[in-house]
Amino acid sequence: QRVGAAATVDRATAASAVDLPEPKKSANVSSDASSPPNDVSAWSSGGIVRHDRDAFVRVSGTRFVVGCPPAEYKVVGWNTYTLVEQAARVPMGSFGADFSRRGRAQVLEMLDRAAAAGFNTVRTWAYSVGERQPMQTHPGVYHEPSFEGLDWVLYEAGKRGVRLVLVLTDYWEHHGGVSQYLEWAAARKSSGSLSSDFRMSERKSVFFSDPDCKRMYKANAKALIERVNAYTGVAYRDDPTIFAWELINEPRCRGCGARLQAWIEEMARYVKRLDPNHMLSTGEEGFYAGDARGSARVNPEVWAATTGQDFLANHAVPEIDFAVAHLWPDNWGVFTLGGSLGAAFTEEWIRTHTRDATRVLGKPFVLEEFGVKAAVEVAPGFLADVAGPGGFRLFGPFGFRPFGGGSFDETETATNASSSSDETVASYYRDVYALVEKADDADRALRGSMFWTWHHDDLKPLARGADEYAVFAGDGAFRATEEHAAALRGRRTRRVGTPLFGSSCVDETTLPRVRASSVRRPE
């Protein structure tokens, strides 16, 4: 788990609602320049045209395409899991941060900076992580200001041409996550008391087969997909600002891979039945099952084959449109000297998933999470610095070390760490991006990446201590991502075949329009 724990509160407090002022309705939206226009085609300049079916990003072979005629869409993005909390102006959110005064300003400043930098995709949770104010307070009961916060994020992102990957639930976090569903299911089964099957973290696998959990998960997915945005009047399923849905962040079902596979198949069918417009992926880390090809060579360590994930089988599901994987060398080296995996692992992990997505799955692939700890030093230029045992270097929680151990003067190490960690993290980002760019040059299935995780500068004092992978706008890693975005923009953009929805563009006049009475003024 990478995100920092939010402020701890008792369960009664967590379930309570923090009421926020509701956006004002407007009888004549077009009279206010700050309001959403009646004809959303006015957003087409730098933004996403919401009533244009060709504005949805789709899959064509191993590529993402958009527009008419279709052109390639290359993912350059980031993760920020606090967007709903910030937009809802929650007084006590993640890290104990007060978003009541500047939450929305923070989101706007990040979106503006992203658009200027050439970032086009953000991955975020479709729920609130902070314990003080969950978005779904009880099964099927929602804190409306939080839901409107997500509405507002979509509205503002769309104006800037930034698309969202929305994750439906999470294996790790309680609110909006597996543990919350298990708690609700257990309460129904045992009159409010948790049975041992639901108390233990090892029992989280019950989530993937329990009928109550599956029913509540589907109900929440339906509520999101059918939600009509309070600011645009457009249902989520009809909004091309959403790049894709993801079923769950980093699922684990230890020793029960068949159960997880069945869950992915069932939920993928359900989501695509409700929303055939948007793409769908798993949200998993990309581990290979024990009997899958390449698992022994590519998995970080032996434990990865027991997580229940199977990169090939999970993404071969017909309703899954593209493959994803995460990359956490500092987290996955459980049995590795120094606590982190070598540089060779990073390159092999990316190359193998790219190859399998290209040759086996025939689908696009996105490295949707990656990062290295800010306090960690890594060997720059690792793509050319892989000497094998006795030669290549490790990067991990104990700083820069030669392979096989070694020691340094602690005072000197501490002094050097503060001045060099930013550049070494940036170097790691550049080496990852070099692999993405090489895949682009070779027209392989790796179609982009999203780093973990960008926080607004206001959160530095809180996020630095709670999120070891935090990135801020002035960091070297951020500059490396800007350089990467510029590099991809400078490459040839391929036109791909015929229009997405037939031999000619869709007649836009036949698509739903936003009614002035259905939208709200952003504050």
Protein backbone atom coordinates (compact mmCIF):
# COMPACT_ATOMS: atom_id res chain seq x y z
CA GLN A 1 0.00 0.00 0.00
CA ARG A 2 1.49 3.32 -1.08
CA VAL A 3 -0.98 6.00 -0.04
CA GLY A 4 -0.72 7.51 3.39
CA ALA A 5 -3.38 6.76 5.94
CA ALA A 6 -5.87 9.54 6.48
CA ALA A 7 -6.73 10.88 9.90
CA THR A 8 -8.03 8.09 12.14
CA VAL A 9 -11.57 8.59 13.37
CA ASP A 10 -14.16 6.35 14.96
CA ARG A 11 -16.67 4.55 12.75
CA ALA A 12 -19.59 6.80 13.70
CA THR A 13 -17.60 9.89 12.71
CA ALA A 14 -16.50 8.26 9.46
CA ALA A 15 -20.09 7.61 8.45
CA SER A 16 -21.26 11.14 9.14
CA ALA A 17 -21.72 13.60 6.32
CA VAL A 18 -19.93 16.93 6.04
CA ASP A 19 -22.52 19.06 4.32
CA LEU A 20 -21.21 21.52 1.77
CA PRO A 21 -23.13 24.23 -0.06
CA GLU A 22 -24.80 22.93 -3.19
CA PRO A 23 -23.96 24.57 -6.53
CA LYS A 24 -26.62 27.03 -7.58
CA LYS A 25 -29.00 26.10 -10.36
CA SER A 26 -29.27 28.48 -13.25
CA ALA A 27 -32.31 28.99 -15.41
CA ASN A 28 -30.19 30.63 -18.11
CA VAL A 29 -26.75 29.10 -18.06
CA SER A 30 -25.52 30.89 -21.13
CA SER A 31 -25.88 34.28 -19.42
CA ASP A 32 -22.96 33.46 -17.07
CA ALA A 33 -19.53 33.19 -18.66
CA SER A 34 -18.34 30.90 -15.87
CA SER A 35 -21.11 28.40 -16.47
CA PRO A 36 -21.08 25.38 -18.76
CA PRO A 37 -22.33 26.49 -22.21
CA ASN A 38 -25.58 25.07 -23.55
CA ASP A 39 -23.82 23.78 -26.67
CA VAL A 40 -20.84 21.83 -25.39
CA SER A 41 -19.17 21.99 -28.79
CA ALA A 42 -17.95 25.37 -27.51
CA TRP A 43 -15.46 23.34 -25.45
CA SER A 44 -13.80 21.95 -28.56
CA SER A 45 -11.04 24.58 -28.51
CA GLY A 46 -8.48 22.82 -26.31
CA GLY A 47 -11.21 20.70 -24.74
CA ILE A 48 -13.26 17.57 -25.34
CA VAL A 49 -16.46 17.77 -27.37
CA ARG A 50 -18.90 15.87 -25.19
CA HIS A 51 -21.61 15.28 -27.78
CA ASP A 52 -19.23 13.88 -30.41
CA ARG A 53 -19.10 10.08 -30.46
CA ASP A 54 -15.73 10.19 -32.18
CA ALA A 55 -14.33 11.98 -29.12
CA PHE A 56 -14.27 8.68 -27.19
CA VAL A 57 -10.85 7.06 -27.07
CA ARG A 58 -11.12 3.55 -28.51
CA VAL A 59 -8.93 0.57 -29.34
CA SER A 60 -7.71 -0.26 -32.83
CA GLY A 61 -5.50 -3.33 -32.74
CA THR A 62 -2.76 -2.56 -30.24
CA ARG A 63 -3.30 1.21 -30.46
CA PHE A 64 -5.55 3.77 -28.83
CA VAL A 65 -7.29 6.02 -31.33
CA VAL A 66 -9.52 9.08 -31.16
CA GLY A 67 -11.23 11.45 -33.57
CA CYS A 68 -12.44 11.28 -37.15
CA PRO A 69 -10.44 10.20 -39.04
CA PRO A 70 -8.94 8.26 -36.11
CA ALA A 71 -5.52 9.31 -34.89
CA GLU A 72 -3.33 7.68 -32.28
CA TYR A 73 -3.81 8.60 -28.63
CA LYS A 74 -0.61 8.22 -26.61
CA VAL A 75 -1.07 8.20 -22.83
CA VAL A 76 1.08 10.66 -20.90
CA GLY A 77 -0.28 10.94 -17.43
CA TRP A 78 -0.23 10.61 -13.70
CA ASN A 79 -2.11 9.32 -10.66
CA THR A 80 -3.77 11.57 -8.08
CA TYR A 81 -6.11 9.75 -5.71
CA THR A 82 -7.33 12.80 -3.74
CA LEU A 83 -9.20 14.64 -6.52
CA VAL A 84 -12.70 13.86 -5.20
CA GLU A 85 -11.77 15.02 -1.69
CA GLN A 86 -10.23 18.22 -3.02
CA ALA A 87 -13.14 18.98 -5.33
CA ALA A 88 -15.67 18.25 -2.57
CA ARG A 89 -13.73 20.62 -0.28
CA VAL A 90 -13.60 18.09 2.52
CA PRO A 91 -12.36 19.74 5.73
CA MET A 92 -10.37 16.68 6.82
CA GLY A 93 -9.13 14.58 3.91
CA SER A 94 -6.12 12.40 3.14
CA PHE A 95 -3.02 13.23 5.20
CA GLY A 96 -5.36 15.18 7.50
CA ALA A 97 -5.38 17.95 4.88
CA ASP A 98 -8.02 20.70 4.97
CA PHE A 99 -9.47 21.00 1.46
CA SER A 100 -12.33 23.30 2.47
CA ARG A 101 -10.59 26.52 1.38
CA ARG A 102 -8.32 25.69 -1.55
CA GLY A 103 -9.32 22.19 -2.63
CA ARG A 104 -10.86 23.23 -5.93
CA ALA A 105 -8.18 25.81 -6.60
CA GLN A 106 -5.58 23.07 -6.18
CA VAL A 107 -7.34 20.87 -8.73
CA LEU A 108 -7.61 23.73 -11.23
CA GLU A 109 -3.94 24.62 -10.85
CA MET A 110 -2.94 21.00 -11.41
CA LEU A 111 -5.17 20.62 -14.47
CA ASP A 112 -3.86 23.85 -15.96
CA ARG A 113 -0.28 22.77 -15.36
CA ALA A 114 -1.00 19.33 -16.81
CA ALA A 115 -2.51 20.77 -19.98
CA ALA A 116 0.43 23.14 -20.40
CA ALA A 117 2.88 20.27 -19.88
CA GLY A 118 1.17 18.03 -22.43
CA PHE A 119 -0.20 15.51 -19.93
CA ASN A 120 -3.47 14.09 -21.26
CA THR A 121 -4.63 11.41 -18.78
CA VAL A 122 -5.08 11.22 -15.00
CA ARG A 123 -5.95 8.07 -13.08
CA THR A 124 -8.01 8.65 -9.97
CA TRP A 125 -10.38 6.86 -7.62
CA ALA A 126 -14.11 7.20 -8.29
CA TYR A 127 -14.68 7.53 -4.55
CA SER A 128 -13.21 9.38 -1.58
CA VAL A 129 -10.25 7.76 0.21
CA GLY A 130 -10.25 9.96 3.33
CA GLU A 131 -11.83 8.36 6.39
CA ARG A 132 -13.58 11.50 7.62
CA GLN A 133 -15.89 11.68 4.61
CA PRO A 134 -16.53 8.59 2.48
CA MET A 135 -18.35 9.15 -0.80
CA GLN A 136 -20.57 6.07 -0.28
CA THR A 137 -21.62 6.33 3.35
CA HIS A 138 -23.76 3.17 3.35
CA PRO A 139 -24.62 0.67 0.61
CA GLY A 140 -26.28 2.70 -2.13
CA VAL A 141 -26.22 5.91 -0.04
CA TYR A 142 -23.93 8.68 -1.27
CA HIS A 143 -22.59 11.92 0.11
CA GLU A 144 -23.88 14.19 -2.66
CA PRO A 145 -21.22 16.92 -2.31
CA SER A 146 -18.55 14.28 -2.89
CA PHE A 147 -20.36 12.99 -5.97
CA GLU A 148 -20.67 16.56 -7.21
CA GLY A 149 -16.96 16.92 -6.60
CA LEU A 150 -16.33 14.15 -9.13
CA ASP A 151 -18.83 15.83 -11.48
CA TRP A 152 -16.83 19.04 -11.22
CA VAL A 153 -13.49 17.33 -11.84
CA LEU A 154 -14.86 15.80 -15.05
CA TYR A 155 -16.29 19.15 -16.11
CA GLU A 156 -13.04 21.04 -15.55
CA ALA A 157 -10.78 18.30 -16.95
CA GLY A 158 -12.86 18.09 -20.10
CA LYS A 159 -12.43 21.80 -20.75
CA ARG A 160 -8.66 21.29 -20.74
CA GLY A 161 -8.57 18.15 -22.85
CA VAL A 162 -7.52 15.95 -19.92
CA ARG A 163 -9.18 12.52 -19.66
CA LEU A 164 -9.78 10.40 -16.57
CA VAL A 165 -9.26 6.74 -15.78
CA LEU A 166 -11.81 6.05 -13.03
CA VAL A 167 -11.13 3.15 -10.65
CA LEU A 168 -14.26 1.56 -9.19
CA THR A 169 -12.81 0.10 -5.99
CA ASP A 170 -9.53 -0.71 -4.25
CA TYR A 171 -8.03 -3.77 -2.60
CA TRP A 172 -6.06 -1.69 -0.08
CA GLU A 173 -8.12 1.27 1.12
CA HIS A 174 -11.07 0.85 3.48
CA HIS A 175 -13.52 3.52 2.33
CA GLY A 176 -14.63 2.72 -1.18
CA GLY A 177 -12.58 -0.46 -1.02
CA VAL A 178 -12.80 -4.20 -0.47
CA SER A 179 -12.72 -3.94 3.33
CA GLN A 180 -15.70 -1.62 3.37
CA TYR A 181 -17.79 -3.97 1.23
CA LEU A 182 -16.78 -6.91 3.42
CA GLU A 183 -17.78 -5.00 6.53
CA TRP A 184 -21.18 -4.16 5.11
CA ALA A 185 -21.70 -7.74 3.95
CA ALA A 186 -20.67 -9.13 7.33
CA ALA A 187 -23.01 -6.75 9.14
CA ARG A 188 -25.92 -8.05 7.10
CA LYS A 189 -24.98 -11.67 7.70
CA SER A 190 -24.28 -11.48 11.42
CA SER A 191 -26.50 -8.68 12.76
CA GLY A 192 -23.75 -6.12 12.88
CA SER A 193 -20.86 -8.21 14.23
CA LEU A 194 -17.94 -9.15 12.03
CA SER A 195 -17.22 -12.85 11.69
CA SER A 196 -13.63 -14.06 11.61
CA ASP A 197 -13.90 -14.53 7.85
CA PHE A 198 -14.28 -10.79 7.46
CA ARG A 199 -11.95 -9.51 10.20
CA MET A 200 -8.69 -10.93 8.93
CA SER A 201 -6.90 -9.28 6.04
CA GLU A 202 -6.13 -12.75 4.70
CA ARG A 203 -9.85 -13.22 4.22
CA LYS A 204 -10.20 -10.40 1.71
CA SER A 205 -10.46 -13.03 -0.98
CA VAL A 206 -14.04 -13.63 0.22
CA PHE A 207 -14.92 -10.37 -1.54
CA PHE A 208 -14.55 -11.99 -4.95
CA SER A 209 -17.16 -14.67 -4.34
CA ASP A 210 -19.53 -13.27 -1.71
CA PRO A 211 -22.97 -12.58 -3.28
CA ASP A 212 -23.63 -9.50 -1.14
CA CYS A 213 -20.27 -7.97 -2.02
CA LYS A 214 -20.82 -8.60 -5.70
CA ARG A 215 -24.30 -7.11 -5.56
CA MET A 216 -23.07 -3.96 -3.78
CA TYR A 217 -20.14 -3.60 -6.16
CA LYS A 218 -22.46 -3.79 -9.16
CA ALA A 219 -24.88 -1.30 -7.63
CA ASN A 220 -22.06 1.18 -7.08
CA ALA A 221 -20.76 0.70 -10.63
CA LYS A 222 -24.28 1.31 -11.96
CA ALA A 223 -24.66 4.46 -9.84
CA LEU A 224 -21.44 5.85 -11.30
CA ILE A 225 -22.01 4.85 -14.91
CA GLU A 226 -25.57 6.20 -14.95
CA ARG A 227 -24.77 9.35 -12.97
CA VAL A 228 -25.81 12.56 -14.75
CA ASN A 229 -23.15 15.20 -14.22
CA ALA A 230 -24.54 18.17 -12.29
CA TYR A 231 -22.36 20.61 -14.28
CA THR A 232 -22.67 19.27 -17.82
CA GLY A 233 -25.99 17.41 -17.83
CA VAL A 234 -24.20 14.48 -19.50
CA ALA A 235 -24.35 10.96 -18.08
CA TYR A 236 -20.97 9.51 -17.23
CA ARG A 237 -21.44 6.70 -19.75
CA ASP A 238 -21.88 9.34 -22.48
CA ASP A 239 -18.92 11.53 -21.50
CA PRO A 240 -15.73 11.05 -23.55
CA THR A 241 -13.79 12.88 -20.83
CA ILE A 242 -13.65 9.46 -19.18
CA PHE A 243 -10.80 7.57 -20.81
CA ALA A 244 -11.70 4.24 -19.23
CA TRP A 245 -13.10 2.44 -16.20
CA GLU A 246 -11.03 0.07 -14.11
CA LEU A 247 -12.56 -2.76 -12.11
CA ILE A 248 -10.34 -2.63 -9.02
CA ASN A 249 -6.97 -1.29 -7.96
CA GLU A 250 -4.42 -4.07 -7.38
CA PRO A 251 -6.65 -7.06 -6.59
CA ARG A 252 -5.22 -9.95 -4.60
CA CYS A 253 -6.78 -13.38 -4.12
CA ARG A 254 -4.04 -15.53 -2.66
CA GLY A 255 -4.27 -19.10 -3.79
CA CYS A 256 -7.57 -18.47 -5.55
CA GLY A 257 -6.69 -17.25 -9.01
CA ALA A 258 -9.69 -18.99 -10.55
CA ARG A 259 -11.99 -17.05 -8.22
CA LEU A 260 -10.40 -13.72 -9.18
CA GLN A 261 -10.57 -14.63 -12.87
CA ALA A 262 -14.28 -15.47 -12.58
CA TRP A 263 -14.90 -12.16 -10.77
CA ILE A 264 -13.08 -10.17 -13.47
CA GLU A 265 -15.10 -11.92 -16.18
CA GLU A 266 -18.43 -11.33 -14.43
CA MET A 267 -17.80 -7.69 -13.56
CA ALA A 268 -16.31 -6.87 -16.95
CA ARG A 269 -19.45 -8.20 -18.66
CA TYR A 270 -21.63 -6.19 -16.29
CA VAL A 271 -19.77 -2.89 -16.72
CA LYS A 272 -19.60 -3.18 -20.50
CA ARG A 273 -23.29 -4.01 -20.69
CA LEU A 274 -24.07 -0.78 -18.85
CA ASP A 275 -21.46 1.26 -20.71
CA PRO A 276 -20.35 0.08 -24.16
CA ASN A 277 -18.95 3.55 -24.94
CA HIS A 278 -15.90 3.46 -22.69
CA MET A 279 -12.89 1.22 -22.52
CA LEU A 280 -12.33 -1.06 -19.55
CA SER A 281 -9.28 -2.57 -17.88
CA THR A 282 -8.46 -4.50 -14.72
CA GLY A 283 -6.35 -2.13 -12.59
CA GLU A 284 -4.00 -4.96 -11.56
CA GLU A 285 -0.24 -5.00 -11.01
CA GLY A 286 0.42 -7.46 -13.83
CA PHE A 287 1.86 -10.48 -12.02
CA TYR A 288 2.04 -13.76 -13.86
CA ALA A 289 0.41 -16.90 -12.47
CA GLY A 290 2.67 -19.74 -11.39
CA ASP A 291 1.87 -21.79 -14.46
CA ALA A 292 1.97 -18.87 -16.90
CA ARG A 293 4.78 -18.53 -19.34
CA GLY A 294 7.59 -16.28 -18.19
CA SER A 295 6.44 -16.11 -14.57
CA ALA A 296 9.65 -17.41 -12.99
CA ARG A 297 11.75 -15.02 -15.01
CA VAL A 298 9.59 -11.90 -14.92
CA ASN A 299 7.75 -11.88 -11.58
CA PRO A 300 9.62 -9.88 -8.94
CA GLU A 301 9.79 -12.80 -6.49
CA VAL A 302 8.07 -16.14 -5.85
CA TRP A 303 5.25 -14.59 -3.80
CA ALA A 304 3.94 -12.73 -6.87
CA ALA A 305 2.73 -15.98 -8.44
CA THR A 306 0.46 -16.58 -5.42
CA THR A 307 -1.49 -13.29 -5.62
CA GLY A 308 -4.18 -14.76 -7.86
CA GLN A 309 -3.33 -12.40 -10.70
CA ASP A 310 -2.56 -13.74 -14.16
CA PHE A 311 -1.58 -10.96 -16.53
CA LEU A 312 -2.39 -12.98 -19.64
CA ALA A 313 -5.64 -14.63 -18.55
CA ASN A 314 -7.00 -11.54 -16.78
CA HIS A 315 -6.51 -9.32 -19.82
CA ALA A 316 -7.63 -11.94 -22.36
CA VAL A 317 -11.24 -11.43 -21.19
CA PRO A 318 -13.08 -10.08 -24.28
CA GLU A 319 -14.61 -7.14 -22.39
CA ILE A 320 -11.18 -5.98 -21.18
CA ASP A 321 -10.02 -3.54 -23.85
CA PHE A 322 -6.41 -2.97 -22.83
CA ALA A 323 -3.79 -4.40 -20.50
CA VAL A 324 -2.19 -2.62 -17.55
CA ALA A 325 0.66 -3.23 -15.15
CA HIS A 326 2.27 -1.43 -12.23
CA LEU A 327 5.96 -1.19 -11.36
CA TRP A 328 7.17 -0.98 -7.74
CA PRO A 329 10.78 -2.18 -7.43
CA ASP A 330 11.10 -0.68 -3.93
CA ASN A 331 7.96 -2.46 -2.66
CA TRP A 332 8.33 -5.84 -4.32
CA GLY A 333 11.82 -6.82 -3.17
CA VAL A 334 10.59 -8.61 -0.06
CA PHE A 335 13.38 -11.18 -0.07
CA THR A 336 15.92 -9.12 -1.97
CA LEU A 337 19.09 -7.73 -0.41
CA GLY A 338 18.54 -4.03 0.31
CA GLY A 339 14.76 -4.31 -0.01
CA SER A 340 14.62 -3.33 -3.67
CA LEU A 341 14.94 -5.03 -7.03
CA GLY A 342 17.72 -4.29 -9.48
CA ALA A 343 17.66 -2.12 -12.54
CA ALA A 344 17.52 -5.19 -14.76
CA PHE A 345 14.12 -6.06 -13.29
CA THR A 346 12.55 -2.76 -14.35
CA GLU A 347 13.63 -3.14 -17.94
CA GLU A 348 12.66 -6.82 -18.18
CA TRP A 349 9.26 -6.17 -16.55
CA ILE A 350 8.37 -3.49 -19.08
CA ARG A 351 9.74 -5.35 -22.08
CA THR A 352 8.02 -8.66 -21.25
CA HIS A 353 4.59 -7.10 -20.66
CA THR A 354 4.96 -5.08 -23.86
CA ARG A 355 5.89 -8.23 -25.81
CA ASP A 356 2.99 -10.26 -24.38
CA ALA A 357 0.48 -7.48 -24.98
CA THR A 358 1.70 -7.21 -28.57
CA ARG A 359 2.08 -10.87 -29.51
CA VAL A 360 -0.24 -12.79 -27.18
CA LEU A 361 -3.07 -10.42 -26.23
CA GLY A 362 -3.09 -8.18 -29.28
CA LYS A 363 -4.22 -5.27 -27.11
CA PRO A 364 -2.73 -1.91 -26.06
CA PHE A 365 -0.72 -1.88 -22.84
CA VAL A 366 -0.29 0.97 -20.34
CA LEU A 367 2.21 1.13 -17.49
CA GLU A 368 -0.34 2.89 -15.34
CA GLU A 369 1.58 3.12 -12.05
CA PHE A 370 5.29 3.39 -11.43
CA GLY A 371 7.54 5.19 -9.02
CA VAL A 372 10.65 5.13 -6.92
CA LYS A 373 10.99 6.48 -3.41
CA ALA A 374 12.00 10.10 -3.16
CA ALA A 375 14.59 9.32 -0.48
CA VAL A 376 16.17 6.60 -2.59
CA GLU A 377 19.12 6.95 -4.92
CA VAL A 378 19.16 4.98 -8.16
CA ALA A 379 21.91 4.43 -10.65
CA PRO A 380 21.41 6.89 -13.54
CA GLY A 381 21.08 5.46 -17.02
CA PHE A 382 20.17 1.97 -15.88
CA LEU A 383 19.35 0.88 -19.42
CA ALA A 384 23.10 0.88 -20.13
CA ASP A 385 24.16 -0.09 -16.62
CA VAL A 386 23.07 -3.70 -16.21
CA ALA A 387 26.19 -5.71 -15.49
CA GLY A 388 24.56 -8.66 -13.75
CA PRO A 389 25.58 -10.21 -10.43
CA GLY A 390 28.55 -8.44 -8.92
CA GLY A 391 28.14 -5.45 -11.21
CA PHE A 392 24.68 -3.89 -11.39
CA ARG A 393 23.47 -1.67 -8.60
CA LEU A 394 20.42 -1.79 -6.38
CA PHE A 395 18.18 1.08 -5.39
CA GLY A 396 16.15 0.69 -2.25
CA PRO A 397 15.18 2.06 1.14
CA PHE A 398 18.80 1.87 2.30
CA GLY A 399 20.12 4.16 -0.39
CA PHE A 400 22.65 3.55 -3.15
CA ARG A 401 24.50 0.23 -2.70
CA PRO A 402 26.79 -1.90 -4.84
CA PHE A 403 25.31 -5.31 -5.58
CA GLY A 404 26.26 -7.63 -2.73
CA GLY A 405 26.15 -5.04 0.04
CA GLY A 406 28.86 -2.65 1.13
CA SER A 407 28.78 0.29 3.49
CA PHE A 408 29.17 4.06 3.41
CA ASP A 409 29.76 6.72 5.98
CA GLU A 410 26.27 7.47 7.39
CA THR A 411 26.86 11.20 7.75
CA GLU A 412 28.13 11.52 4.22
CA THR A 413 25.23 9.45 2.90
CA ALA A 414 22.65 11.58 4.69
CA THR A 415 24.24 14.78 3.39
CA ASN A 416 24.42 13.57 -0.19
CA ALA A 417 20.90 12.11 -0.17
CA SER A 418 19.12 15.45 0.15
CA SER A 419 21.01 16.97 -2.77
CA SER A 420 20.96 14.02 -5.15
CA SER A 421 17.73 12.09 -4.56
CA ASP A 422 15.68 14.38 -6.79
CA GLU A 423 17.96 13.87 -9.76
CA THR A 424 18.27 10.13 -9.25
CA VAL A 425 14.50 9.74 -9.12
CA ALA A 426 14.27 11.86 -12.27
CA SER A 427 16.87 9.62 -13.88
CA TYR A 428 14.73 6.58 -13.11
CA TYR A 429 11.72 8.29 -14.70
CA ARG A 430 13.74 9.14 -17.81
CA ASP A 431 14.88 5.56 -18.20
CA VAL A 432 11.29 4.29 -17.93
CA TYR A 433 10.18 6.88 -20.46
CA ALA A 434 13.00 5.85 -22.78
CA LEU A 435 11.47 2.38 -22.93
CA VAL A 436 8.03 3.86 -23.69
CA GLU A 437 9.51 5.97 -26.47
CA LYS A 438 11.40 2.99 -27.93
CA ALA A 439 8.17 1.02 -27.98
CA ASP A 440 6.45 3.91 -29.74
CA ASP A 441 9.18 4.03 -32.37
CA ALA A 442 8.80 0.28 -32.95
CA ASP A 443 4.96 0.45 -32.93
CA ARG A 444 4.73 -1.98 -30.01
CA ALA A 445 1.68 -2.31 -27.72
CA LEU A 446 3.10 -0.11 -24.93
CA ARG A 447 1.05 3.03 -25.55
CA GLY A 448 1.86 5.16 -22.55
CA SER A 449 2.46 5.49 -18.83
CA MET A 450 1.19 7.26 -15.72
CA PHE A 451 3.52 8.02 -12.82
CA TRP A 452 2.63 7.76 -9.14
CA THR A 453 1.73 10.23 -7.73
CA TRP A 454 1.39 13.97 -8.28
CA HIS A 455 0.30 16.09 -5.31
CA HIS A 456 -0.32 19.82 -5.25
CA ASP A 457 2.47 21.91 -3.71
CA ASP A 458 0.12 22.91 -0.88
CA LEU A 459 0.34 19.32 0.37
CA LYS A 460 4.14 19.12 0.55
CA PRO A 461 4.42 19.30 4.35
CA LEU A 462 1.82 16.52 4.76
CA ALA A 463 2.30 14.34 1.69
CA ARG A 464 6.10 14.11 1.90
CA GLY A 465 5.88 12.16 5.12
CA ALA A 466 2.88 10.02 4.16
CA ASP A 467 3.53 9.17 0.51
CA GLU A 468 7.11 8.14 -0.21
CA TYR A 469 6.47 8.38 -3.93
CA ALA A 470 5.04 11.91 -3.90
CA VAL A 471 5.94 14.08 -6.89
CA PHE A 472 5.49 17.86 -7.00
CA ALA A 473 5.49 20.25 -9.93
CA GLY A 474 9.00 21.51 -9.32
CA ASP A 475 10.61 18.09 -9.00
CA GLY A 476 13.01 16.57 -11.47
CA ALA A 477 10.59 13.69 -12.03
CA PHE A 478 7.93 16.15 -13.13
CA ARG A 479 10.35 17.82 -15.55
CA ALA A 480 11.27 14.40 -16.91
CA THR A 481 7.59 13.76 -17.62
CA GLU A 482 7.28 17.11 -19.40
CA GLU A 483 10.26 16.15 -21.56
CA HIS A 484 8.65 12.80 -22.29
CA ALA A 485 5.36 14.44 -23.32
CA ALA A 486 7.25 16.75 -25.69
CA ALA A 487 9.18 13.80 -27.13
CA LEU A 488 5.99 11.87 -27.91
CA ARG A 489 4.37 14.97 -29.42
CA GLY A 490 7.39 15.36 -31.67
CA ARG A 491 7.06 11.84 -33.02
CA ARG A 492 4.96 10.90 -36.01
CA THR A 493 1.25 10.66 -35.18
CA ARG A 494 -0.21 7.76 -37.13
CA ARG A 495 -3.60 8.01 -38.76
CA VAL A 496 -5.37 4.72 -38.26
CA GLY A 497 -7.78 3.37 -40.85
CA THR A 498 -11.37 4.54 -41.16
CA PRO A 499 -13.56 6.48 -38.73
CA LEU A 500 -14.45 4.69 -35.53
CA PHE A 501 -18.18 4.40 -36.11
CA GLY A 502 -18.44 3.59 -39.80
CA SER A 503 -17.26 4.96 -43.09
CA SER A 504 -18.07 8.54 -42.16
CA CYS A 505 -18.28 10.62 -39.02
CA VAL A 506 -21.39 10.36 -36.91
CA ASP A 507 -24.05 12.99 -37.49
CA GLU A 508 -23.62 15.01 -34.31
CA THR A 509 -27.14 16.41 -34.48
CA THR A 510 -28.52 12.96 -33.58
CA LEU A 511 -26.66 12.84 -30.28
CA PRO A 512 -28.03 14.12 -26.96
CA ARG A 513 -27.52 17.75 -26.14
CA VAL A 514 -27.15 19.37 -22.74
CA ARG A 515 -30.25 21.18 -21.54
CA ALA A 516 -29.74 24.55 -19.89
CA SER A 517 -32.01 23.60 -17.00
CA SER A 518 -29.97 20.50 -16.17
CA VAL A 519 -26.59 22.08 -15.53
CA ARG A 520 -25.23 23.91 -12.51
CA ARG A 521 -22.92 26.82 -12.03
CA PRO A 522 -19.41 25.94 -10.91
CA GLU A 523 -18.49 27.97 -7.85
